[in-house]
Protein backbone atom coordinates (compact mmCIF):
# COMPACT_ATOMS: atom_id res chain seq x y z
CA UNK A 1 108.74 132.19 100.82
CA UNK A 2 112.33 131.44 100.09
CA UNK A 3 114.81 130.56 102.78
CA UNK A 4 113.51 130.34 106.37
CA UNK A 5 115.97 131.55 108.87
CA UNK A 6 116.02 129.40 112.17
CA UNK A 7 117.10 132.58 114.08
CA UNK A 8 113.83 134.34 113.08
CA UNK A 9 111.78 131.24 114.08
CA UNK A 10 113.53 131.34 117.63
CA UNK A 11 112.70 135.03 117.84
CA UNK A 12 109.05 134.19 117.15
CA UNK A 13 109.02 131.53 119.79
CA UNK A 14 110.53 133.95 122.25
CA UNK A 15 108.00 136.49 121.43
CA UNK A 16 105.09 133.99 121.79
CA UNK A 17 106.33 132.97 125.24
CA UNK A 18 106.45 136.63 126.34
CA UNK A 19 102.86 137.20 125.23
CA UNK A 20 101.45 133.91 126.60
CA UNK A 21 98.45 133.93 128.90
CA UNK A 22 99.36 134.14 132.59
CA UNK A 23 98.57 130.85 134.39
CA UNK A 24 98.06 128.97 131.14
CA UNK A 25 98.81 125.75 132.89
CA UNK A 26 95.60 126.00 134.96
CA UNK A 27 93.03 126.39 132.12
CA UNK A 28 92.06 124.49 129.07
CA UNK A 29 93.63 124.33 126.49
CA UNK A 30 96.89 123.73 128.39
CA UNK A 31 99.18 125.37 126.00
CA UNK A 32 100.92 128.68 126.37
CA UNK A 33 98.81 130.95 123.93
CA UNK A 34 98.10 134.56 124.15
CA UNK A 35 95.02 135.85 125.86
CA UNK A 36 91.87 136.06 123.69
CA UNK A 37 91.74 139.83 123.83
CA UNK A 38 95.31 140.16 122.58
CA UNK A 39 94.61 137.70 119.64
CA UNK A 40 91.54 139.71 118.63
CA UNK A 41 93.53 143.08 118.90
CA UNK A 42 96.25 141.56 116.66
CA UNK A 43 93.63 140.41 114.21
CA UNK A 44 92.27 144.02 114.05
CA UNK A 45 95.65 145.79 113.84
CA UNK A 46 97.27 143.32 111.36
CA UNK A 47 94.56 142.55 108.96
CA UNK A 48 91.80 145.08 109.76
CA UNK A 49 89.44 142.40 110.94
CA UNK A 50 86.59 143.72 113.33
CA UNK A 51 87.67 142.37 116.76
CA UNK A 52 84.07 142.58 118.06
CA UNK A 53 82.72 140.24 115.36
CA UNK A 54 85.56 138.32 113.61
CA UNK A 55 84.38 136.08 110.78
CA UNK A 56 86.30 133.10 109.24
CA UNK A 57 85.65 134.61 105.81
CA UNK A 58 87.56 137.87 106.73
CA UNK A 59 90.67 136.06 107.52
CA UNK A 60 93.44 136.15 104.78
CA UNK A 61 94.79 132.89 103.19
CA UNK A 62 96.95 130.81 105.45
CA UNK A 63 99.89 131.53 103.01
CA UNK A 64 99.51 135.30 103.65
CA UNK A 65 99.22 134.78 107.41
CA UNK A 66 102.27 132.75 107.55
CA UNK A 67 104.19 135.17 105.60
CA UNK A 68 103.10 138.23 107.59
CA UNK A 69 104.02 136.34 110.83
CA UNK A 70 107.42 135.43 109.40
CA UNK A 71 108.02 139.13 108.44
CA UNK A 72 106.98 140.17 111.89
CA UNK A 73 109.49 137.75 113.30
CA UNK A 74 112.05 139.17 110.96
CA UNK A 75 111.32 142.72 112.15
CA UNK A 76 111.60 141.72 115.76
CA UNK A 77 114.87 139.85 115.06
CA UNK A 78 116.56 142.72 113.28
CA UNK A 79 115.45 145.38 115.72
CA UNK A 80 116.78 143.39 118.58
CA UNK A 81 113.48 143.77 120.54
CA UNK A 82 113.60 140.09 121.84
CA UNK A 83 116.51 138.82 123.54
């Protein structure tokens, strides 16, 4: 993957905080993750996985997923959408 820029990781953290589930501290798991519907929508739009019936075997490899997430963060960082 080459050099990982801290600024892109910060951008991804900011984006993750913006799409977190509302009231996340009231429900298990007590971590600020996006709503299930949003995650399923991203699976479908990013990798073409059927959101109504996601299967583990349909997911790309971890290396590909991390690369795609990093590139998405790079896109967000350079277009200045997250401040």
